[in-house]
Amino acid sequence: VRAGSELIALPVAALQRLRAATAGQIQSADGQLTFVTDEGTRPAVY
């Protein structure tokens, strides 16, 4: 995966699913990022 200009490797065994976030699904509240979907709001970390 790419974070900024850097390529980083994530072990596949630790992953559950990859999704594309559309504009508006990533929000910020009190300095904490969140991922908002129809299933609910989840904390997010960049």
All heavy atoms as atom14 arrays in JSON, in Angstrom:
{
  "sequence": "VRAGSELIALPVAALQRLRAATAGQIQSADGQLTFVTDEGTRPAVY",
  "atom14_mask": [
    [1, 1, 1, 1, 1, 1, 1, 0, 0, 0, 0, 0, 0, 0],
    [1, 1, 1, 1, 1, 1, 1, 1, 1, 1, 1, 0, 0, 0],
    [1, 1, 1, 1, 1, 0, 0, 0, 0, 0, 0, 0, 0, 0],
    [1, 1, 1, 1, 0, 0, 0, 0, 0, 0, 0, 0, 0, 0],
    [1, 1, 1, 1, 1, 1, 0, 0, 0, 0, 0, 0, 0, 0],
    [1, 1, 1, 1, 1, 1, 1, 1, 1, 0, 0, 0, 0, 0],
    [1, 1, 1, 1, 1, 1, 1, 1, 0, 0, 0, 0, 0, 0],
    [1, 1, 1, 1, 1, 1, 1, 1, 0, 0, 0, 0, 0, 0],
    [1, 1, 1, 1, 1, 0, 0, 0, 0, 0, 0, 0, 0, 0],
    [1, 1, 1, 1, 1, 1, 1, 1, 0, 0, 0, 0, 0, 0],
    [1, 1, 1, 1, 1, 1, 1, 0, 0, 0, 0, 0, 0, 0],
    [1, 1, 1, 1, 1, 1, 1, 0, 0, 0, 0, 0, 0, 0],
    [1, 1, 1, 1, 1, 0, 0, 0, 0, 0, 0, 0, 0, 0],
    [1, 1, 1, 1, 1, 0, 0, 0, 0, 0, 0, 0, 0, 0],
    [1, 1, 1, 1, 1, 1, 1, 1, 0, 0, 0, 0, 0, 0],
    [1, 1, 1, 1, 1, 1, 1, 1, 1, 0, 0, 0, 0, 0],
    [1, 1, 1, 1, 1, 1, 1, 1, 1, 1, 1, 0, 0, 0],
    [1, 1, 1, 1, 1, 1, 1, 1, 0, 0, 0, 0, 0, 0],
    [1, 1, 1, 1, 1, 1, 1, 1, 1, 1, 1, 0, 0, 0],
    [1, 1, 1, 1, 1, 0, 0, 0, 0, 0, 0, 0, 0, 0],
    [1, 1, 1, 1, 1, 0, 0, 0, 0, 0, 0, 0, 0, 0],
    [1, 1, 1, 1, 1, 1, 1, 0, 0, 0, 0, 0, 0, 0],
    [1, 1, 1, 1, 1, 0, 0, 0, 0, 0, 0, 0, 0, 0],
    [1, 1, 1, 1, 0, 0, 0, 0, 0, 0, 0, 0, 0, 0],
    [1, 1, 1, 1, 1, 1, 1, 1, 1, 0, 0, 0, 0, 0],
    [1, 1, 1, 1, 1, 1, 1, 1, 0, 0, 0, 0, 0, 0],
    [1, 1, 1, 1, 1, 1, 1, 1, 1, 0, 0, 0, 0, 0],
    [1, 1, 1, 1, 1, 1, 0, 0, 0, 0, 0, 0, 0, 0],
    [1, 1, 1, 1, 1, 0, 0, 0, 0, 0, 0, 0, 0, 0],
    [1, 1, 1, 1, 1, 1, 1, 1, 0, 0, 0, 0, 0, 0],
    [1, 1, 1, 1, 0, 0, 0, 0, 0, 0, 0, 0, 0, 0],
    [1, 1, 1, 1, 1, 1, 1, 1, 1, 0, 0, 0, 0, 0],
    [1, 1, 1, 1, 1, 1, 1, 1, 0, 0, 0, 0, 0, 0],
    [1, 1, 1, 1, 1, 1, 1, 0, 0, 0, 0, 0, 0, 0],
    [1, 1, 1, 1, 1, 1, 1, 1, 1, 1, 1, 0, 0, 0],
    [1, 1, 1, 1, 1, 1, 1, 0, 0, 0, 0, 0, 0, 0],
    [1, 1, 1, 1, 1, 1, 1, 0, 0, 0, 0, 0, 0, 0],
    [1, 1, 1, 1, 1, 1, 1, 1, 0, 0, 0, 0, 0, 0],
    [1, 1, 1, 1, 1, 1, 1, 1, 1, 0, 0, 0, 0, 0],
    [1, 1, 1, 1, 0, 0, 0, 0, 0, 0, 0, 0, 0, 0],
    [1, 1, 1, 1, 1, 1, 1, 0, 0, 0, 0, 0, 0, 0],
    [1, 1, 1, 1, 1, 1, 1, 1, 1, 1, 1, 0, 0, 0],
    [1, 1, 1, 1, 1, 1, 1, 0, 0, 0, 0, 0, 0, 0],
    [1, 1, 1, 1, 1, 0, 0, 0, 0, 0, 0, 0, 0, 0],
    [1, 1, 1, 1, 1, 1, 1, 0, 0, 0, 0, 0, 0, 0],
    [1, 1, 1, 1, 1, 1, 1, 1, 1, 1, 1, 1, 0, 0]
  ],
  "atom14_positions": [
    [[0.85, -1.18, 0.0], [0.0, 0.0, 0.0], [0.89, 1.23, 0.0], [2.06, 1.17, 0.36], [-0.94, 0.01, 1.22], [-1.83, -1.22, 1.22], [-0.15, 0.09, 2.52], [0.0, 0.0, 0.0], [0.0, 0.0, 0.0], [0.0, 0.0, 0.0], [0.0, 0.0, 0.0], [0.0, 0.0, 0.0], [0.0, 0.0, 0.0], [0.0, 0.0, 0.0]],
    [[0.3, 2.34, -0.38], [1.06, 3.59, -0.41], [0.51, 4.55, 0.63], [-0.7, 4.78, 0.72], [1.01, 4.23, -1.8], [2.03, 5.34, -1.99], [2.09, 5.78, -3.45], [2.62, 4.76, -4.33], [3.92, 4.53, -4.5], [4.81, 5.24, -3.84], [4.31, 3.6, -5.34], [0.0, 0.0, 0.0], [0.0, 0.0, 0.0], [0.0, 0.0, 0.0]],
    [[1.44, 5.06, 1.45], [1.12, 6.09, 2.43], [1.99, 7.3, 2.12], [3.2, 7.27, 2.33], [1.37, 5.6, 3.86], [0.0, 0.0, 0.0], [0.0, 0.0, 0.0], [0.0, 0.0, 0.0], [0.0, 0.0, 0.0], [0.0, 0.0, 0.0], [0.0, 0.0, 0.0], [0.0, 0.0, 0.0], [0.0, 0.0, 0.0], [0.0, 0.0, 0.0]],
    [[1.37, 8.34, 1.58], [2.17, 9.43, 1.06], [2.94, 8.93, -0.15], [2.38, 8.32, -1.05], [0.0, 0.0, 0.0], [0.0, 0.0, 0.0], [0.0, 0.0, 0.0], [0.0, 0.0, 0.0], [0.0, 0.0, 0.0], [0.0, 0.0, 0.0], [0.0, 0.0, 0.0], [0.0, 0.0, 0.0], [0.0, 0.0, 0.0], [0.0, 0.0, 0.0]],
    [[4.25, 9.11, -0.14], [5.08, 8.64, -1.26], [5.74, 7.3, -0.96], [6.5, 6.79, -1.77], [6.16, 9.68, -1.57], [7.0, 9.88, -0.44], [0.0, 0.0, 0.0], [0.0, 0.0, 0.0], [0.0, 0.0, 0.0], [0.0, 0.0, 0.0], [0.0, 0.0, 0.0], [0.0, 0.0, 0.0], [0.0, 0.0, 0.0], [0.0, 0.0, 0.0]],
    [[5.46, 6.72, 0.22], [6.14, 5.51, 0.65], [5.3, 4.26, 0.39], [4.08, 4.26, 0.58], [6.47, 5.58, 2.15], [7.35, 6.74, 2.54], [8.75, 6.63, 1.99], [9.2, 5.49, 1.75], [9.4, 7.68, 1.79], [0.0, 0.0, 0.0], [0.0, 0.0, 0.0], [0.0, 0.0, 0.0], [0.0, 0.0, 0.0], [0.0, 0.0, 0.0]],
    [[5.98, 3.19, -0.04], [5.35, 1.88, -0.17], [5.53, 1.11, 1.13], [6.65, 0.96, 1.61], [5.97, 1.1, -1.33], [5.39, 1.32, -2.73], [6.17, 0.48, -3.74], [3.91, 0.97, -2.79], [0.0, 0.0, 0.0], [0.0, 0.0, 0.0], [0.0, 0.0, 0.0], [0.0, 0.0, 0.0], [0.0, 0.0, 0.0], [0.0, 0.0, 0.0]],
    [[4.44, 0.61, 1.67], [4.45, -0.12, 2.94], [3.8, -1.48, 2.7], [2.82, -1.6, 1.96], [3.7, 0.64, 4.04], [4.26, 2.06, 4.19], [3.75, -0.11, 5.37], [5.7, 2.11, 4.64], [0.0, 0.0, 0.0], [0.0, 0.0, 0.0], [0.0, 0.0, 0.0], [0.0, 0.0, 0.0], [0.0, 0.0, 0.0], [0.0, 0.0, 0.0]],
    [[4.34, -2.51, 3.34], [3.8, -3.86, 3.21], [2.98, -4.23, 4.44], [3.41, -4.02, 5.57], [4.93, -4.86, 3.02], [0.0, 0.0, 0.0], [0.0, 0.0, 0.0], [0.0, 0.0, 0.0], [0.0, 0.0, 0.0], [0.0, 0.0, 0.0], [0.0, 0.0, 0.0], [0.0, 0.0, 0.0], [0.0, 0.0, 0.0], [0.0, 0.0, 0.0]],
    [[1.78, -4.78, 4.2], [0.9, -5.25, 5.27], [0.72, -6.76, 5.12], [0.42, -7.23, 4.02], [-0.47, -4.57, 5.21], [-0.51, -3.05, 5.18], [-1.96, -2.58, 5.04], [0.12, -2.47, 6.43], [0.0, 0.0, 0.0], [0.0, 0.0, 0.0], [0.0, 0.0, 0.0], [0.0, 0.0, 0.0], [0.0, 0.0, 0.0], [0.0, 0.0, 0.0]],
    [[0.9, -7.55, 6.18], [0.66, -9.0, 6.08], [-0.79, -9.29, 5.72], [-1.72, -8.79, 6.37], [1.0, -9.51, 7.48], [1.87, -8.44, 8.09], [1.39, -7.16, 7.52], [0.0, 0.0, 0.0], [0.0, 0.0, 0.0], [0.0, 0.0, 0.0], [0.0, 0.0, 0.0], [0.0, 0.0, 0.0], [0.0, 0.0, 0.0], [0.0, 0.0, 0.0]],
    [[-1.0, -10.09, 4.69], [-2.36, -10.39, 4.24], [-3.15, -11.09, 5.34], [-4.36, -10.91, 5.48], [-2.31, -11.24, 2.96], [-3.68, -11.8, 2.62], [-1.78, -10.4, 1.8], [0.0, 0.0, 0.0], [0.0, 0.0, 0.0], [0.0, 0.0, 0.0], [0.0, 0.0, 0.0], [0.0, 0.0, 0.0], [0.0, 0.0, 0.0], [0.0, 0.0, 0.0]],
    [[-2.47, -11.91, 6.15], [-3.17, -12.68, 7.19], [-3.86, -11.78, 8.21], [-4.8, -12.21, 8.88], [-2.17, -13.61, 7.89], [0.0, 0.0, 0.0], [0.0, 0.0, 0.0], [0.0, 0.0, 0.0], [0.0, 0.0, 0.0], [0.0, 0.0, 0.0], [0.0, 0.0, 0.0], [0.0, 0.0, 0.0], [0.0, 0.0, 0.0], [0.0, 0.0, 0.0]],
    [[-3.4, -10.53, 8.36], [-3.99, -9.62, 9.33], [-5.17, -8.83, 8.77], [-5.86, -8.13, 9.52], [-2.93, -8.65, 9.85], [0.0, 0.0, 0.0], [0.0, 0.0, 0.0], [0.0, 0.0, 0.0], [0.0, 0.0, 0.0], [0.0, 0.0, 0.0], [0.0, 0.0, 0.0], [0.0, 0.0, 0.0], [0.0, 0.0, 0.0], [0.0, 0.0, 0.0]],
    [[-5.41, -8.94, 7.46], [-6.43, -8.13, 6.82], [-7.75, -8.89, 6.68], [-7.76, -10.11, 6.5], [-5.96, -7.67, 5.44], [-4.56, -7.05, 5.35], [-4.29, -6.55, 3.95], [-4.39, -5.94, 6.37], [0.0, 0.0, 0.0], [0.0, 0.0, 0.0], [0.0, 0.0, 0.0], [0.0, 0.0, 0.0], [0.0, 0.0, 0.0], [0.0, 0.0, 0.0]],
    [[-8.84, -8.15, 6.76], [-10.16, -8.74, 6.6], [-10.81, -8.33, 5.29], [-11.41, -9.15, 4.6], [-11.05, -8.33, 7.78], [-12.38, -9.05, 7.84], [-13.12, -8.72, 9.13], [-13.42, -7.55, 9.4], [-13.39, -9.73, 9.94], [0.0, 0.0, 0.0], [0.0, 0.0, 0.0], [0.0, 0.0, 0.0], [0.0, 0.0, 0.0], [0.0, 0.0, 0.0]],
    [[-10.67, -7.05, 4.95], [-11.3, -6.55, 3.72], [-10.67, -5.24, 3.31], [-10.23, -4.45, 4.15], [-12.81, -6.37, 3.93], [-13.55, -5.92, 2.69], [-15.06, -6.09, 2.81], [-15.63, -5.29, 3.89], [-16.93, -5.01, 3.98], [-17.78, -5.47, 3.07], [-17.4, -4.3, 4.99], [0.0, 0.0, 0.0], [0.0, 0.0, 0.0], [0.0, 0.0, 0.0]],
    [[-10.63, -5.0, 2.01], [-10.18, -3.73, 1.45], [-11.37, -3.05, 0.8], [-12.13, -3.68, 0.06], [-9.07, -3.94, 0.42], [-7.75, -4.53, 0.92], [-6.83, -4.82, -0.24], [-7.09, -3.57, 1.9], [0.0, 0.0, 0.0], [0.0, 0.0, 0.0], [0.0, 0.0, 0.0], [0.0, 0.0, 0.0], [0.0, 0.0, 0.0], [0.0, 0.0, 0.0]],
    [[-11.53, -1.76, 1.08], [-12.66, -1.01, 0.53], [-12.17, 0.34, 0.03], [-11.17, 0.88, 0.49], [-13.74, -0.79, 1.58], [-14.25, -2.07, 2.2], [-15.19, -1.84, 3.35], [-16.44, -1.19, 2.95], [-17.47, -1.03, 3.77], [-17.4, -1.45, 5.04], [-18.57, -0.44, 3.34], [0.0, 0.0, 0.0], [0.0, 0.0, 0.0], [0.0, 0.0, 0.0]],
    [[-12.91, 0.88, -0.92], [-12.63, 2.24, -1.4], [-13.6, 3.19, -0.73], [-14.82, 2.96, -0.73], [-12.78, 2.3, -2.91], [0.0, 0.0, 0.0], [0.0, 0.0, 0.0], [0.0, 0.0, 0.0], [0.0, 0.0, 0.0], [0.0, 0.0, 0.0], [0.0, 0.0, 0.0], [0.0, 0.0, 0.0], [0.0, 0.0, 0.0], [0.0, 0.0, 0.0]],
    [[-13.07, 4.24, -0.12], [-13.91, 5.25, 0.53], [-14.19, 6.38, -0.45], [-13.27, 6.93, -1.06], [-13.23, 5.78, 1.79], [0.0, 0.0, 0.0], [0.0, 0.0, 0.0], [0.0, 0.0, 0.0], [0.0, 0.0, 0.0], [0.0, 0.0, 0.0], [0.0, 0.0, 0.0], [0.0, 0.0, 0.0], [0.0, 0.0, 0.0], [0.0, 0.0, 0.0]],
    [[-15.44, 6.7, -0.59], [-15.81, 7.81, -1.46], [-15.72, 9.12, -0.7], [-15.61, 9.15, 0.53], [-17.25, 7.62, -1.97], [-18.14, 7.54, -0.85], [-17.35, 6.35, -2.79], [0.0, 0.0, 0.0], [0.0, 0.0, 0.0], [0.0, 0.0, 0.0], [0.0, 0.0, 0.0], [0.0, 0.0, 0.0], [0.0, 0.0, 0.0], [0.0, 0.0, 0.0]],
    [[-15.74, 10.21, -1.43], [-15.7, 11.53, -0.81], [-16.87, 11.67, 0.15], [-18.02, 11.38, -0.18], [-15.75, 12.62, -1.87], [0.0, 0.0, 0.0], [0.0, 0.0, 0.0], [0.0, 0.0, 0.0], [0.0, 0.0, 0.0], [0.0, 0.0, 0.0], [0.0, 0.0, 0.0], [0.0, 0.0, 0.0], [0.0, 0.0, 0.0], [0.0, 0.0, 0.0]],
    [[-16.58, 12.09, 1.36], [-17.61, 12.27, 2.37], [-17.67, 11.14, 3.38], [-18.24, 11.31, 4.46], [0.0, 0.0, 0.0], [0.0, 0.0, 0.0], [0.0, 0.0, 0.0], [0.0, 0.0, 0.0], [0.0, 0.0, 0.0], [0.0, 0.0, 0.0], [0.0, 0.0, 0.0], [0.0, 0.0, 0.0], [0.0, 0.0, 0.0], [0.0, 0.0, 0.0]],
    [[-17.1, 9.98, 3.05], [-17.11, 8.89, 4.01], [-16.04, 9.05, 5.09], [-16.16, 8.48, 6.17], [-16.91, 7.53, 3.3], [-18.16, 7.04, 2.57], [-17.99, 5.62, 2.1], [-17.14, 5.34, 1.25], [-18.79, 4.72, 2.63], [0.0, 0.0, 0.0], [0.0, 0.0, 0.0], [0.0, 0.0, 0.0], [0.0, 0.0, 0.0], [0.0, 0.0, 0.0]],
    [[-14.99, 9.79, 4.78], [-13.96, 10.06, 5.77], [-14.25, 11.42, 6.4], [-14.27, 12.45, 5.71], [-12.55, 10.05, 5.15], [-12.29, 8.72, 4.45], [-11.5, 10.3, 6.22], [-12.39, 7.52, 5.34], [0.0, 0.0, 0.0], [0.0, 0.0, 0.0], [0.0, 0.0, 0.0], [0.0, 0.0, 0.0], [0.0, 0.0, 0.0], [0.0, 0.0, 0.0]],
    [[-14.48, 11.43, 7.69], [-14.81, 12.65, 8.41], [-13.9, 12.8, 9.61], [-13.17, 11.87, 9.98], [-16.28, 12.63, 8.84], [-17.27, 12.5, 7.67], [-18.71, 12.49, 8.11], [-19.02, 12.75, 9.27], [-19.61, 12.16, 7.18], [0.0, 0.0, 0.0], [0.0, 0.0, 0.0], [0.0, 0.0, 0.0], [0.0, 0.0, 0.0], [0.0, 0.0, 0.0]],
    [[-13.96, 13.98, 10.22], [-13.12, 14.27, 11.38], [-13.97, 14.88, 12.47], [-14.76, 15.8, 12.22], [-11.98, 15.24, 11.0], [-11.19, 15.55, 12.12], [0.0, 0.0, 0.0], [0.0, 0.0, 0.0], [0.0, 0.0, 0.0], [0.0, 0.0, 0.0], [0.0, 0.0, 0.0], [0.0, 0.0, 0.0], [0.0, 0.0, 0.0], [0.0, 0.0, 0.0]],
    [[-13.81, 14.34, 13.68], [-14.54, 14.86, 14.84], [-13.59, 14.9, 16.02], [-13.03, 13.87, 16.41], [-15.76, 13.99, 15.15], [0.0, 0.0, 0.0], [0.0, 0.0, 0.0], [0.0, 0.0, 0.0], [0.0, 0.0, 0.0], [0.0, 0.0, 0.0], [0.0, 0.0, 0.0], [0.0, 0.0, 0.0], [0.0, 0.0, 0.0], [0.0, 0.0, 0.0]],
    [[-13.38, 16.1, 16.56], [-12.48, 16.28, 17.7], [-11.07, 15.75, 17.4], [-10.4, 15.18, 18.26], [-13.03, 15.6, 18.95], [-14.39, 16.16, 19.38], [-14.58, 17.38, 19.21], [-15.23, 15.39, 19.86], [0.0, 0.0, 0.0], [0.0, 0.0, 0.0], [0.0, 0.0, 0.0], [0.0, 0.0, 0.0], [0.0, 0.0, 0.0], [0.0, 0.0, 0.0]],
    [[-10.64, 15.96, 16.18], [-9.29, 15.55, 15.8], [-9.15, 14.07, 15.47], [-8.06, 13.61, 15.13], [0.0, 0.0, 0.0], [0.0, 0.0, 0.0], [0.0, 0.0, 0.0], [0.0, 0.0, 0.0], [0.0, 0.0, 0.0], [0.0, 0.0, 0.0], [0.0, 0.0, 0.0], [0.0, 0.0, 0.0], [0.0, 0.0, 0.0], [0.0, 0.0, 0.0]],
    [[-10.24, 13.3, 15.56], [-10.2, 11.87, 15.27], [-10.91, 11.57, 13.96], [-12.06, 11.96, 13.76], [-10.86, 11.08, 16.41], [-11.03, 9.6, 16.13], [-9.71, 8.85, 16.02], [-8.93, 8.83, 16.97], [-9.45, 8.25, 14.86], [0.0, 0.0, 0.0], [0.0, 0.0, 0.0], [0.0, 0.0, 0.0], [0.0, 0.0, 0.0], [0.0, 0.0, 0.0]],
    [[-10.22, 10.89, 13.06], [-10.82, 10.51, 11.79], [-11.83, 9.39, 12.0], [-11.66, 8.52, 12.87], [-9.75, 10.05, 10.81], [-8.77, 11.11, 10.29], [-7.67, 10.46, 9.48], [-9.5, 12.16, 9.46], [0.0, 0.0, 0.0], [0.0, 0.0, 0.0], [0.0, 0.0, 0.0], [0.0, 0.0, 0.0], [0.0, 0.0, 0.0], [0.0, 0.0, 0.0]],
    [[-12.88, 9.39, 11.19], [-13.87, 8.33, 11.23], [-14.21, 7.9, 9.81], [-14.08, 8.68, 8.86], [-15.16, 8.77, 11.95], [-15.69, 9.94, 11.29], [-14.88, 9.08, 13.41], [0.0, 0.0, 0.0], [0.0, 0.0, 0.0], [0.0, 0.0, 0.0], [0.0, 0.0, 0.0], [0.0, 0.0, 0.0], [0.0, 0.0, 0.0], [0.0, 0.0, 0.0]],
    [[-14.67, 6.67, 9.69], [-15.11, 6.1, 8.43], [-16.61, 5.84, 8.56], [-17.04, 5.01, 9.37], [-14.35, 4.81, 8.14], [-14.81, 4.07, 6.92], [-14.98, 4.73, 5.71], [-15.08, 2.71, 6.99], [-15.4, 4.04, 4.57], [-15.5, 2.02, 5.86], [-15.66, 2.68, 4.65], [0.0, 0.0, 0.0], [0.0, 0.0, 0.0], [0.0, 0.0, 0.0]],
    [[-17.4, 6.55, 7.78], [-18.85, 6.52, 7.91], [-19.46, 5.71, 6.76], [-19.22, 6.0, 5.59], [-19.44, 7.95, 7.92], [-20.95, 7.9, 8.07], [-18.8, 8.78, 9.03], [0.0, 0.0, 0.0], [0.0, 0.0, 0.0], [0.0, 0.0, 0.0], [0.0, 0.0, 0.0], [0.0, 0.0, 0.0], [0.0, 0.0, 0.0], [0.0, 0.0, 0.0]],
    [[-20.25, 4.69, 7.12], [-20.96, 3.89, 6.14], [-22.39, 3.68, 6.61], [-22.77, 4.1, 7.7], [-20.28, 2.5, 5.95], [-20.47, 1.74, 7.15], [-18.81, 2.65, 5.67], [0.0, 0.0, 0.0], [0.0, 0.0, 0.0], [0.0, 0.0, 0.0], [0.0, 0.0, 0.0], [0.0, 0.0, 0.0], [0.0, 0.0, 0.0], [0.0, 0.0, 0.0]],
    [[-23.17, 3.01, 5.81], [-24.54, 2.67, 6.2], [-24.56, 1.72, 7.4], [-25.56, 1.63, 8.11], [-25.29, 2.02, 5.03], [-25.48, 2.98, 3.86], [-25.44, 4.2, 4.11], [-25.66, 2.5, 2.72], [0.0, 0.0, 0.0], [0.0, 0.0, 0.0], [0.0, 0.0, 0.0], [0.0, 0.0, 0.0], [0.0, 0.0, 0.0], [0.0, 0.0, 0.0]],
    [[-23.44, 1.03, 7.63], [-23.36, 0.09, 8.75], [-23.02, 0.79, 10.06], [-23.11, 0.17, 11.13], [-22.3, -0.97, 8.44], [-22.57, -1.73, 7.14], [-21.35, -2.49, 6.65], [-20.3, -2.42, 7.33], [-21.44, -3.14, 5.6], [0.0, 0.0, 0.0], [0.0, 0.0, 0.0], [0.0, 0.0, 0.0], [0.0, 0.0, 0.0], [0.0, 0.0, 0.0]],
    [[-22.59, 2.05, 9.97], [-22.23, 2.79, 11.18], [-20.95, 3.57, 11.0], [-20.4, 3.65, 9.89], [0.0, 0.0, 0.0], [0.0, 0.0, 0.0], [0.0, 0.0, 0.0], [0.0, 0.0, 0.0], [0.0, 0.0, 0.0], [0.0, 0.0, 0.0], [0.0, 0.0, 0.0], [0.0, 0.0, 0.0], [0.0, 0.0, 0.0], [0.0, 0.0, 0.0]],
    [[-20.49, 4.16, 12.08], [-19.28, 4.98, 12.07], [-18.17, 4.27, 12.83], [-18.38, 3.81, 13.96], [-19.54, 6.35, 12.72], [-20.57, 7.03, 11.97], [-18.29, 7.21, 12.72], [0.0, 0.0, 0.0], [0.0, 0.0, 0.0], [0.0, 0.0, 0.0], [0.0, 0.0, 0.0], [0.0, 0.0, 0.0], [0.0, 0.0, 0.0], [0.0, 0.0, 0.0]],
    [[-17.01, 4.18, 12.21], [-15.89, 3.48, 12.82], [-14.69, 4.4, 12.93], [-14.44, 5.24, 12.05], [-15.52, 2.24, 11.98], [-16.67, 1.27, 11.81], [-16.32, 0.13, 10.87], [-15.23, -0.69, 11.39], [-14.77, -1.78, 10.74], [-15.3, -2.13, 9.57], [-13.79, -2.48, 11.26], [0.0, 0.0, 0.0], [0.0, 0.0, 0.0], [0.0, 0.0, 0.0]],
    [[-13.9, 4.28, 14.0], [-12.67, 5.07, 14.1], [-11.74, 4.73, 12.95], [-11.7, 3.59, 12.47], [-12.07, 4.63, 15.44], [-13.2, 4.0, 16.19], [-14.11, 3.4, 15.17], [0.0, 0.0, 0.0], [0.0, 0.0, 0.0], [0.0, 0.0, 0.0], [0.0, 0.0, 0.0], [0.0, 0.0, 0.0], [0.0, 0.0, 0.0], [0.0, 0.0, 0.0]],
    [[-10.98, 5.72, 12.5], [-10.06, 5.52, 11.39], [-8.7, 6.13, 11.72], [-8.62, 7.15, 12.41], [-10.62, 6.13, 10.11], [0.0, 0.0, 0.0], [0.0, 0.0, 0.0], [0.0, 0.0, 0.0], [0.0, 0.0, 0.0], [0.0, 0.0, 0.0], [0.0, 0.0, 0.0], [0.0, 0.0, 0.0], [0.0, 0.0, 0.0], [0.0, 0.0, 0.0]],
    [[-7.66, 5.5, 11.22], [-6.29, 5.97, 11.45], [-5.57, 5.98, 10.11], [-5.63, 4.99, 9.35], [-5.55, 5.05, 12.44], [-4.08, 5.44, 12.53], [-6.2, 5.11, 13.81], [0.0, 0.0, 0.0], [0.0, 0.0, 0.0], [0.0, 0.0, 0.0], [0.0, 0.0, 0.0], [0.0, 0.0, 0.0], [0.0, 0.0, 0.0], [0.0, 0.0, 0.0]],
    [[-4.9, 7.08, 9.8], [-4.15, 7.19, 8.55], [-2.75, 6.63, 8.77], [-2.01, 7.05, 9.66], [-4.07, 8.65, 8.11], [-3.26, 8.87, 6.85], [-3.43, 8.07, 5.72], [-2.31, 9.9, 6.79], [-2.7, 8.28, 4.57], [-1.58, 10.12, 5.63], [-1.77, 9.3, 4.53], [-1.03, 9.5, 3.39], [0.0, 0.0, 0.0], [0.0, 0.0, 0.0]]
  ]
}
